[in-house]
Amino acid sequence: MSADRRPPRANPWARYAAVFLGLILLAVAVVCARELWLRNSRSIHWESWVNPIVMTIGNATFQPWMLPAGLGALLLGGFLVWVAVRPRTRTHRAVASEASVWMRPVDIARMLSGAALAVPGVATAASHVSGRSATVSITTGFGDADLSPAVDATLTPLLADLGLDLNLRVRRRPLEEANR
């Protein structure tokens, strides 16, 4: 696949993890700036936020909670590494064209519904595309007329022209189910 035919993909999870971690580090930087300001100021005598934490850590001896906390930190680090290297989700499908054209599954479903509605006698049409299959549900304006073969005959060449290898299934819904 050439460079201009790379598929569009979802945003990486690492982006959100980096933003969250960046906000936490920004808060740490604000606390550090406050501590530096307090140490260098002669007129302000507020209590330090960092000294109690440093003293607690400096005088720490083994406590039973430390092992689960260490395992939690290990799991969090492993999760963050996994988030950084996991592949991004494919969000579009390539359309057979000389230009680089991509369609989302929802766009394909809308196109199928619109083409099914163009078949004479179809009152409503709803589509769903997932994986390698496309399901089109139709209701007819007439009583028992089964227009599934006509809809299938209209949609199959449309999918073939676009180069979308989908298993098409046309199902007929009762008119009462469509009115709900």
N, C-alpha and C. Protein backbone atom coordinates (compact mmCIF):
# COMPACT_ATOMS: atom_id res chain seq x y z
N MET A 1 0.85 -1.18 0.00
CA MET A 1 0.00 0.00 0.00
C MET A 1 0.90 1.23 0.00
N SER A 2 0.68 2.12 -0.92
CA SER A 2 1.52 3.32 -1.03
C SER A 2 1.21 4.30 0.09
N ALA A 3 2.04 5.30 0.20
CA ALA A 3 1.92 6.26 1.31
C ALA A 3 0.60 7.02 1.27
N ASP A 4 0.06 7.27 0.07
CA ASP A 4 -1.18 8.03 -0.01
C ASP A 4 -2.40 7.13 0.17
N ARG A 5 -2.22 5.81 0.32
CA ARG A 5 -3.34 4.90 0.50
C ARG A 5 -3.37 4.32 1.92
N ARG A 6 -2.68 4.93 2.83
CA ARG A 6 -2.74 4.45 4.21
C ARG A 6 -4.14 4.69 4.77
N PRO A 7 -4.70 3.70 5.44
CA PRO A 7 -6.07 3.86 5.92
C PRO A 7 -6.18 4.84 7.08
N PRO A 8 -7.28 5.59 7.11
CA PRO A 8 -7.51 6.44 8.28
C PRO A 8 -7.72 5.55 9.50
N ARG A 9 -7.27 6.02 10.62
CA ARG A 9 -7.39 5.23 11.85
C ARG A 9 -7.87 6.11 12.99
N ALA A 10 -8.34 5.47 14.03
CA ALA A 10 -8.83 6.19 15.21
C ALA A 10 -7.66 6.84 15.94
N ASN A 11 -7.97 7.82 16.78
CA ASN A 11 -6.93 8.45 17.60
C ASN A 11 -6.29 7.41 18.51
N PRO A 12 -4.98 7.48 18.71
CA PRO A 12 -4.34 6.50 19.60
C PRO A 12 -4.70 6.76 21.06
N TRP A 13 -4.83 5.68 21.81
CA TRP A 13 -5.11 5.82 23.24
C TRP A 13 -3.97 6.55 23.94
N ALA A 14 -2.77 6.43 23.42
CA ALA A 14 -1.62 7.07 24.06
C ALA A 14 -1.80 8.58 24.11
N ARG A 15 -2.54 9.16 23.17
CA ARG A 15 -2.78 10.60 23.17
C ARG A 15 -3.51 11.01 24.47
N TYR A 16 -4.54 10.27 24.82
CA TYR A 16 -5.32 10.61 26.01
C TYR A 16 -4.52 10.34 27.29
N ALA A 17 -3.74 9.25 27.28
CA ALA A 17 -2.89 8.96 28.44
C ALA A 17 -1.84 10.06 28.61
N ALA A 18 -1.28 10.54 27.51
CA ALA A 18 -0.27 11.60 27.58
C ALA A 18 -0.87 12.91 28.08
N VAL A 19 -2.09 13.22 27.63
CA VAL A 19 -2.74 14.45 28.09
C VAL A 19 -3.02 14.36 29.60
N PHE A 20 -3.52 13.20 30.05
CA PHE A 20 -3.80 13.02 31.47
C PHE A 20 -2.51 13.11 32.29
N LEU A 21 -1.47 12.42 31.84
CA LEU A 21 -0.19 12.47 32.55
C LEU A 21 0.39 13.88 32.53
N GLY A 22 0.23 14.59 31.43
CA GLY A 22 0.70 15.98 31.34
C GLY A 22 -0.01 16.89 32.33
N LEU A 23 -1.32 16.70 32.51
CA LEU A 23 -2.07 17.50 33.50
C LEU A 23 -1.60 17.21 34.92
N ILE A 24 -1.32 15.94 35.21
CA ILE A 24 -0.80 15.58 36.54
C ILE A 24 0.57 16.23 36.76
N LEU A 25 1.43 16.15 35.76
CA LEU A 25 2.77 16.75 35.90
C LEU A 25 2.69 18.27 35.98
N LEU A 26 1.72 18.87 35.33
CA LEU A 26 1.51 20.31 35.45
C LEU A 26 1.11 20.67 36.88
N ALA A 27 0.26 19.87 37.50
CA ALA A 27 -0.11 20.11 38.89
C ALA A 27 1.10 19.95 39.82
N VAL A 28 1.94 18.96 39.54
CA VAL A 28 3.17 18.79 40.34
C VAL A 28 4.07 20.00 40.18
N ALA A 29 4.17 20.53 38.96
CA ALA A 29 5.00 21.71 38.72
C ALA A 29 4.47 22.92 39.48
N VAL A 30 3.15 23.07 39.56
CA VAL A 30 2.56 24.18 40.32
C VAL A 30 2.90 24.06 41.80
N VAL A 31 2.82 22.84 42.34
CA VAL A 31 3.17 22.63 43.75
C VAL A 31 4.65 22.92 43.97
N CYS A 32 5.52 22.50 43.06
CA CYS A 32 6.95 22.78 43.20
C CYS A 32 7.24 24.28 43.12
N ALA A 33 6.55 24.99 42.22
CA ALA A 33 6.73 26.44 42.12
C ALA A 33 6.28 27.12 43.41
N ARG A 34 5.18 26.66 44.00
CA ARG A 34 4.71 27.22 45.28
C ARG A 34 5.75 27.01 46.37
N GLU A 35 6.36 25.81 46.42
CA GLU A 35 7.37 25.53 47.44
C GLU A 35 8.60 26.42 47.26
N LEU A 36 9.04 26.61 46.01
CA LEU A 36 10.19 27.50 45.77
C LEU A 36 9.86 28.93 46.17
N TRP A 37 8.64 29.36 45.87
CA TRP A 37 8.23 30.72 46.24
C TRP A 37 8.22 30.88 47.76
N LEU A 38 7.71 29.87 48.48
CA LEU A 38 7.68 29.95 49.94
C LEU A 38 9.08 29.96 50.55
N ARG A 39 9.99 29.17 50.00
CA ARG A 39 11.36 29.12 50.54
C ARG A 39 12.13 30.42 50.30
N ASN A 40 11.83 31.10 49.18
CA ASN A 40 12.56 32.32 48.85
C ASN A 40 11.87 33.59 49.32
N SER A 41 10.68 33.47 49.85
CA SER A 41 9.95 34.64 50.32
C SER A 41 10.19 34.84 51.81
N ARG A 42 10.49 36.07 52.21
CA ARG A 42 10.74 36.34 53.61
C ARG A 42 9.47 36.85 54.32
N SER A 43 8.50 37.32 53.54
CA SER A 43 7.30 37.90 54.14
C SER A 43 6.16 36.91 54.29
N ILE A 44 6.18 35.79 53.60
CA ILE A 44 5.09 34.81 53.67
C ILE A 44 5.57 33.62 54.48
N HIS A 45 4.74 33.20 55.44
CA HIS A 45 5.12 32.10 56.34
C HIS A 45 4.03 31.02 56.33
N TRP A 46 3.71 30.52 55.15
CA TRP A 46 2.72 29.44 55.03
C TRP A 46 3.41 28.12 55.28
N GLU A 47 2.58 27.10 55.56
CA GLU A 47 3.14 25.76 55.76
C GLU A 47 3.47 25.12 54.43
N SER A 48 4.52 24.33 54.44
CA SER A 48 4.95 23.63 53.24
C SER A 48 4.04 22.42 53.00
N TRP A 49 3.77 22.14 51.72
CA TRP A 49 3.01 20.94 51.37
C TRP A 49 3.94 19.75 51.12
N VAL A 50 5.18 20.04 50.78
CA VAL A 50 6.10 18.98 50.39
C VAL A 50 6.85 18.40 51.60
N ASN A 51 7.20 19.23 52.59
CA ASN A 51 7.97 18.75 53.73
C ASN A 51 7.33 17.56 54.45
N PRO A 52 6.04 17.57 54.76
CA PRO A 52 5.46 16.39 55.42
C PRO A 52 5.57 15.12 54.57
N ILE A 53 5.43 15.27 53.25
CA ILE A 53 5.53 14.09 52.38
C ILE A 53 6.96 13.57 52.37
N VAL A 54 7.94 14.48 52.27
CA VAL A 54 9.35 14.08 52.25
C VAL A 54 9.72 13.43 53.58
N MET A 55 9.24 13.97 54.68
CA MET A 55 9.55 13.39 56.00
C MET A 55 8.92 12.01 56.16
N THR A 56 7.71 11.85 55.67
CA THR A 56 7.04 10.55 55.75
C THR A 56 7.77 9.51 54.93
N ILE A 57 8.17 9.88 53.74
CA ILE A 57 8.90 8.93 52.88
C ILE A 57 10.29 8.66 53.44
N GLY A 58 10.94 9.68 53.97
CA GLY A 58 12.29 9.52 54.52
C GLY A 58 12.32 8.63 55.76
N ASN A 59 11.28 8.63 56.55
CA ASN A 59 11.22 7.83 57.77
C ASN A 59 10.44 6.54 57.59
N ALA A 60 10.14 6.19 56.36
CA ALA A 60 9.30 5.03 56.11
C ALA A 60 10.03 3.73 56.36
N THR A 61 9.34 2.82 56.96
CA THR A 61 9.80 1.43 57.10
C THR A 61 8.77 0.59 56.37
N PHE A 62 9.08 -0.68 56.19
CA PHE A 62 8.16 -1.53 55.44
C PHE A 62 6.79 -1.57 56.11
N GLN A 63 5.79 -1.35 55.29
CA GLN A 63 4.40 -1.45 55.73
C GLN A 63 3.69 -2.45 54.82
N PRO A 64 2.67 -3.13 55.31
CA PRO A 64 1.98 -4.13 54.48
C PRO A 64 1.33 -3.55 53.21
N TRP A 65 0.97 -2.28 53.21
CA TRP A 65 0.33 -1.68 52.04
C TRP A 65 1.30 -1.42 50.90
N MET A 66 2.60 -1.45 51.18
CA MET A 66 3.59 -1.10 50.17
C MET A 66 3.68 -2.13 49.04
N LEU A 67 3.50 -3.41 49.35
CA LEU A 67 3.57 -4.43 48.31
C LEU A 67 2.42 -4.29 47.32
N PRO A 68 1.16 -4.18 47.76
CA PRO A 68 0.09 -3.97 46.78
C PRO A 68 0.25 -2.64 46.01
N ALA A 69 0.75 -1.60 46.67
CA ALA A 69 0.96 -0.33 45.97
C ALA A 69 2.03 -0.49 44.89
N GLY A 70 3.08 -1.22 45.18
CA GLY A 70 4.12 -1.47 44.18
C GLY A 70 3.60 -2.29 43.01
N LEU A 71 2.79 -3.31 43.31
CA LEU A 71 2.19 -4.10 42.24
C LEU A 71 1.24 -3.25 41.41
N GLY A 72 0.49 -2.37 42.05
CA GLY A 72 -0.40 -1.47 41.32
C GLY A 72 0.39 -0.54 40.41
N ALA A 73 1.51 -0.01 40.89
CA ALA A 73 2.35 0.85 40.07
C ALA A 73 2.93 0.06 38.89
N LEU A 74 3.30 -1.19 39.13
CA LEU A 74 3.81 -2.04 38.06
C LEU A 74 2.73 -2.28 37.00
N LEU A 75 1.51 -2.58 37.43
CA LEU A 75 0.41 -2.79 36.49
C LEU A 75 0.09 -1.51 35.71
N LEU A 76 0.10 -0.36 36.40
CA LEU A 76 -0.14 0.90 35.71
C LEU A 76 0.93 1.17 34.66
N GLY A 77 2.19 0.93 35.00
CA GLY A 77 3.28 1.11 34.03
C GLY A 77 3.14 0.18 32.84
N GLY A 78 2.79 -1.08 33.10
CA GLY A 78 2.58 -2.02 32.01
C GLY A 78 1.42 -1.60 31.12
N PHE A 79 0.35 -1.10 31.72
CA PHE A 79 -0.80 -0.61 30.95
C PHE A 79 -0.40 0.57 30.08
N LEU A 80 0.38 1.50 30.63
CA LEU A 80 0.80 2.66 29.86
C LEU A 80 1.71 2.28 28.70
N VAL A 81 2.56 1.28 28.90
CA VAL A 81 3.41 0.80 27.80
C VAL A 81 2.53 0.15 26.73
N TRP A 82 1.55 -0.65 27.15
CA TRP A 82 0.64 -1.29 26.19
C TRP A 82 -0.14 -0.24 25.40
N VAL A 83 -0.61 0.81 26.08
CA VAL A 83 -1.36 1.88 25.41
C VAL A 83 -0.47 2.56 24.37
N ALA A 84 0.81 2.71 24.68
CA ALA A 84 1.71 3.41 23.76
C ALA A 84 2.01 2.60 22.50
N VAL A 85 1.98 1.27 22.58
CA VAL A 85 2.39 0.47 21.43
C VAL A 85 1.24 -0.25 20.74
N ARG A 86 0.04 -0.21 21.28
CA ARG A 86 -1.08 -0.94 20.65
C ARG A 86 -1.45 -0.31 19.32
N PRO A 87 -1.83 -1.14 18.35
CA PRO A 87 -2.21 -0.59 17.05
C PRO A 87 -3.53 0.18 17.13
N ARG A 88 -3.64 1.18 16.30
CA ARG A 88 -4.86 1.98 16.29
C ARG A 88 -5.96 1.25 15.51
N THR A 89 -7.19 1.51 15.88
CA THR A 89 -8.34 0.86 15.27
C THR A 89 -8.59 1.42 13.87
N ARG A 90 -8.89 0.54 12.93
CA ARG A 90 -9.26 0.99 11.58
C ARG A 90 -10.69 1.50 11.63
N THR A 91 -10.90 2.66 11.06
CA THR A 91 -12.22 3.29 11.12
C THR A 91 -12.90 3.39 9.76
N HIS A 92 -12.18 3.15 8.68
CA HIS A 92 -12.71 3.33 7.33
C HIS A 92 -12.40 2.11 6.46
N ARG A 93 -13.10 2.03 5.35
CA ARG A 93 -12.85 0.98 4.36
C ARG A 93 -12.46 1.63 3.04
N ALA A 94 -11.51 1.02 2.35
CA ALA A 94 -11.06 1.56 1.07
C ALA A 94 -12.12 1.30 0.00
N VAL A 95 -12.33 2.29 -0.84
CA VAL A 95 -13.25 2.19 -1.97
C VAL A 95 -12.42 2.04 -3.23
N ALA A 96 -12.86 1.16 -4.14
CA ALA A 96 -12.13 0.96 -5.39
C ALA A 96 -12.20 2.24 -6.22
N SER A 97 -11.08 2.91 -6.28
CA SER A 97 -11.01 4.17 -7.01
C SER A 97 -9.55 4.47 -7.29
N GLU A 98 -9.30 5.25 -8.35
CA GLU A 98 -7.93 5.65 -8.63
C GLU A 98 -7.44 6.65 -7.60
N ALA A 99 -8.35 7.43 -7.07
CA ALA A 99 -8.01 8.36 -5.99
C ALA A 99 -8.11 7.62 -4.66
N SER A 100 -7.51 8.16 -3.65
CA SER A 100 -7.57 7.56 -2.32
C SER A 100 -8.90 7.94 -1.67
N VAL A 101 -9.85 7.02 -1.68
CA VAL A 101 -11.19 7.28 -1.15
C VAL A 101 -11.48 6.25 -0.07
N TRP A 102 -12.01 6.73 1.06
CA TRP A 102 -12.32 5.86 2.19
C TRP A 102 -13.73 6.16 2.67
N MET A 103 -14.42 5.12 3.16
CA MET A 103 -15.78 5.29 3.68
C MET A 103 -15.87 4.63 5.05
N ARG A 104 -16.61 5.29 5.94
CA ARG A 104 -16.89 4.70 7.24
C ARG A 104 -18.02 3.69 7.08
N PRO A 105 -18.10 2.70 7.95
CA PRO A 105 -19.21 1.75 7.87
C PRO A 105 -20.58 2.43 7.95
N VAL A 106 -20.71 3.49 8.72
CA VAL A 106 -22.00 4.19 8.81
C VAL A 106 -22.34 4.86 7.48
N ASP A 107 -21.35 5.34 6.75
CA ASP A 107 -21.60 5.94 5.44
C ASP A 107 -22.06 4.88 4.43
N ILE A 108 -21.45 3.69 4.51
CA ILE A 108 -21.87 2.59 3.63
C ILE A 108 -23.31 2.21 3.95
N ALA A 109 -23.65 2.13 5.24
CA ALA A 109 -25.01 1.78 5.63
C ALA A 109 -26.01 2.82 5.14
N ARG A 110 -25.68 4.09 5.24
CA ARG A 110 -26.57 5.15 4.75
C ARG A 110 -26.75 5.06 3.23
N MET A 111 -25.66 4.76 2.53
CA MET A 111 -25.74 4.62 1.09
C MET A 111 -26.64 3.45 0.71
N LEU A 112 -26.51 2.33 1.41
CA LEU A 112 -27.35 1.16 1.13
C LEU A 112 -28.82 1.45 1.43
N SER A 113 -29.08 2.15 2.52
CA SER A 113 -30.47 2.50 2.86
C SER A 113 -31.06 3.40 1.79
N GLY A 114 -30.30 4.40 1.35
CA GLY A 114 -30.79 5.31 0.32
C GLY A 114 -31.06 4.59 -0.99
N ALA A 115 -30.18 3.67 -1.37
CA ALA A 115 -30.38 2.92 -2.62
C ALA A 115 -31.57 1.98 -2.49
N ALA A 116 -31.77 1.39 -1.31
CA ALA A 116 -32.92 0.51 -1.11
C ALA A 116 -34.23 1.29 -1.16
N LEU A 117 -34.22 2.51 -0.65
CA LEU A 117 -35.43 3.34 -0.69
C LEU A 117 -35.79 3.74 -2.12
N ALA A 118 -34.82 3.71 -3.03
CA ALA A 118 -35.08 4.07 -4.42
C ALA A 118 -35.80 2.96 -5.18
N VAL A 119 -35.84 1.75 -4.61
CA VAL A 119 -36.54 0.64 -5.25
C VAL A 119 -38.05 0.89 -5.10
N PRO A 120 -38.81 0.87 -6.18
CA PRO A 120 -40.25 1.12 -6.09
C PRO A 120 -40.94 0.12 -5.17
N GLY A 121 -41.75 0.63 -4.25
CA GLY A 121 -42.49 -0.21 -3.33
C GLY A 121 -41.88 -0.31 -1.95
N VAL A 122 -40.63 0.12 -1.76
CA VAL A 122 -39.99 0.07 -0.45
C VAL A 122 -40.41 1.30 0.34
N ALA A 123 -41.05 1.07 1.50
CA ALA A 123 -41.53 2.18 2.32
C ALA A 123 -40.44 2.70 3.25
N THR A 124 -39.74 1.79 3.92
CA THR A 124 -38.65 2.18 4.81
C THR A 124 -37.48 1.23 4.61
N ALA A 125 -36.29 1.74 4.92
CA ALA A 125 -35.09 0.91 4.82
C ALA A 125 -34.13 1.34 5.92
N ALA A 126 -33.53 0.35 6.57
CA ALA A 126 -32.52 0.60 7.59
C ALA A 126 -31.38 -0.38 7.34
N SER A 127 -30.15 0.10 7.50
CA SER A 127 -28.98 -0.74 7.21
C SER A 127 -28.03 -0.73 8.38
N HIS A 128 -27.24 -1.79 8.43
CA HIS A 128 -26.19 -1.91 9.45
C HIS A 128 -25.01 -2.65 8.82
N VAL A 129 -23.82 -2.07 8.95
CA VAL A 129 -22.61 -2.70 8.43
C VAL A 129 -21.71 -3.02 9.60
N SER A 130 -21.30 -4.28 9.68
CA SER A 130 -20.38 -4.67 10.74
C SER A 130 -19.53 -5.82 10.24
N GLY A 131 -18.24 -5.71 10.45
CA GLY A 131 -17.33 -6.74 9.98
C GLY A 131 -17.37 -6.88 8.47
N ARG A 132 -17.66 -8.07 8.02
CA ARG A 132 -17.72 -8.36 6.58
C ARG A 132 -19.15 -8.48 6.08
N SER A 133 -20.13 -8.03 6.86
CA SER A 133 -21.51 -8.19 6.43
C SER A 133 -22.27 -6.87 6.49
N ALA A 134 -23.26 -6.78 5.63
CA ALA A 134 -24.17 -5.64 5.59
C ALA A 134 -25.58 -6.19 5.61
N THR A 135 -26.39 -5.67 6.54
CA THR A 135 -27.78 -6.11 6.65
C THR A 135 -28.68 -4.93 6.33
N VAL A 136 -29.60 -5.14 5.39
CA VAL A 136 -30.55 -4.11 5.02
C VAL A 136 -31.94 -4.64 5.36
N SER A 137 -32.66 -3.90 6.22
CA SER A 137 -34.02 -4.28 6.61
C SER A 137 -34.99 -3.35 5.90
N ILE A 138 -35.95 -3.94 5.20
CA ILE A 138 -36.90 -3.13 4.44
C ILE A 138 -38.32 -3.46 4.86
N THR A 139 -39.20 -2.49 4.68
CA THR A 139 -40.65 -2.72 4.78
C THR A 139 -41.25 -2.21 3.49
N THR A 140 -42.31 -2.87 3.08
CA THR A 140 -42.95 -2.49 1.82
C THR A 140 -44.25 -1.76 2.10
N GLY A 141 -44.65 -0.94 1.18
CA GLY A 141 -45.90 -0.22 1.30
C GLY A 141 -47.09 -1.10 0.96
N PHE A 142 -46.84 -2.21 0.27
CA PHE A 142 -47.91 -3.12 -0.10
C PHE A 142 -48.03 -4.20 0.96
N GLY A 143 -49.07 -4.99 0.88
CA GLY A 143 -49.31 -6.06 1.85
C GLY A 143 -48.20 -7.08 1.92
N ASP A 144 -48.25 -8.08 1.04
CA ASP A 144 -47.33 -9.21 1.14
C ASP A 144 -46.25 -9.20 0.06
N ALA A 145 -46.06 -8.12 -0.63
CA ALA A 145 -45.07 -8.08 -1.71
C ALA A 145 -43.67 -8.23 -1.14
N ASP A 146 -42.93 -9.21 -1.63
CA ASP A 146 -41.56 -9.43 -1.17
C ASP A 146 -40.61 -8.79 -2.16
N LEU A 147 -40.06 -7.65 -1.78
CA LEU A 147 -39.14 -6.92 -2.65
C LEU A 147 -37.68 -7.21 -2.34
N SER A 148 -37.42 -8.20 -1.49
CA SER A 148 -36.03 -8.52 -1.13
C SER A 148 -35.17 -8.83 -2.34
N PRO A 149 -35.64 -9.64 -3.31
CA PRO A 149 -34.79 -9.91 -4.48
C PRO A 149 -34.50 -8.65 -5.30
N ALA A 150 -35.48 -7.76 -5.41
CA ALA A 150 -35.26 -6.52 -6.18
C ALA A 150 -34.25 -5.61 -5.48
N VAL A 151 -34.35 -5.53 -4.15
CA VAL A 151 -33.40 -4.72 -3.38
C VAL A 151 -32.01 -5.33 -3.47
N ASP A 152 -31.91 -6.64 -3.35
CA ASP A 152 -30.62 -7.33 -3.47
C ASP A 152 -30.01 -7.08 -4.84
N ALA A 153 -30.84 -7.16 -5.89
CA ALA A 153 -30.34 -6.93 -7.25
C ALA A 153 -29.87 -5.50 -7.45
N THR A 154 -30.42 -4.55 -6.71
CA THR A 154 -29.99 -3.15 -6.80
C THR A 154 -28.71 -2.90 -6.02
N LEU A 155 -28.59 -3.51 -4.84
CA LEU A 155 -27.47 -3.21 -3.95
C LEU A 155 -26.20 -3.99 -4.28
N THR A 156 -26.32 -5.20 -4.79
CA THR A 156 -25.13 -6.02 -5.07
C THR A 156 -24.21 -5.36 -6.09
N PRO A 157 -24.72 -4.85 -7.23
CA PRO A 157 -23.81 -4.16 -8.16
C PRO A 157 -23.20 -2.88 -7.58
N LEU A 158 -23.95 -2.21 -6.71
CA LEU A 158 -23.44 -0.99 -6.08
C LEU A 158 -22.21 -1.31 -5.22
N LEU A 159 -22.32 -2.38 -4.41
CA LEU A 159 -21.18 -2.80 -3.59
C LEU A 159 -20.02 -3.28 -4.46
N ALA A 160 -20.33 -3.97 -5.55
CA ALA A 160 -19.27 -4.47 -6.44
C ALA A 160 -18.55 -3.31 -7.13
N ASP A 161 -19.29 -2.28 -7.53
CA ASP A 161 -18.66 -1.12 -8.18
C ASP A 161 -17.71 -0.39 -7.23
N LEU A 162 -18.05 -0.38 -5.96
CA LEU A 162 -17.20 0.29 -4.98
C LEU A 162 -16.07 -0.60 -4.48
N GLY A 163 -16.09 -1.88 -4.87
CA GLY A 163 -15.03 -2.80 -4.44
C GLY A 163 -15.14 -3.19 -2.99
N LEU A 164 -16.33 -3.08 -2.42
CA LEU A 164 -16.54 -3.45 -1.02
C LEU A 164 -16.97 -4.91 -0.96
N ASP A 165 -16.14 -5.73 -0.37
CA ASP A 165 -16.40 -7.16 -0.28
C ASP A 165 -17.24 -7.44 0.97
N LEU A 166 -18.53 -7.19 0.88
CA LEU A 166 -19.43 -7.39 2.01
C LEU A 166 -20.47 -8.45 1.66
N ASN A 167 -20.81 -9.28 2.63
CA ASN A 167 -21.90 -10.23 2.46
C ASN A 167 -23.20 -9.49 2.70
N LEU A 168 -23.99 -9.34 1.67
CA LEU A 168 -25.22 -8.56 1.76
C LEU A 168 -26.38 -9.47 2.15
N ARG A 169 -27.14 -9.03 3.13
CA ARG A 169 -28.33 -9.76 3.55
C ARG A 169 -29.49 -8.77 3.57
N VAL A 170 -30.54 -9.07 2.84
CA VAL A 170 -31.73 -8.22 2.81
C VAL A 170 -32.82 -8.97 3.55
N ARG A 171 -33.38 -8.34 4.55
CA ARG A 171 -34.46 -8.97 5.29
C ARG A 171 -35.68 -8.06 5.27
N ARG A 172 -36.82 -8.69 5.25
CA ARG A 172 -38.08 -7.96 5.18
C ARG A 172 -38.68 -7.92 6.57
N ARG A 173 -38.99 -6.71 7.02
CA ARG A 173 -39.63 -6.55 8.31
C ARG A 173 -41.13 -6.36 8.10
N PRO A 174 -41.93 -6.85 9.05
CA PRO A 174 -43.36 -6.57 8.98
C PRO A 174 -43.61 -5.08 9.16
N LEU A 175 -44.64 -4.58 8.54
CA LEU A 175 -44.97 -3.16 8.60
C LEU A 175 -45.24 -2.71 10.04
N GLU A 176 -45.80 -3.59 10.86
CA GLU A 176 -46.10 -3.25 12.26
C GLU A 176 -44.80 -3.01 13.04
N GLU A 177 -43.75 -3.81 12.75
CA GLU A 177 -42.47 -3.66 13.45
C GLU A 177 -41.82 -2.34 13.06
N ALA A 178 -41.97 -1.92 11.84
CA ALA A 178 -41.36 -0.67 11.36
C ALA A 178 -42.05 0.54 11.95
N ASN A 179 -43.33 0.44 12.31
CA ASN A 179 -44.08 1.57 12.85
C ASN A 179 -43.83 1.82 14.32
N ARG A 180 -43.13 0.93 14.98
CA ARG A 180 -42.88 1.10 16.41
C ARG A 180 -41.82 2.11 16.68
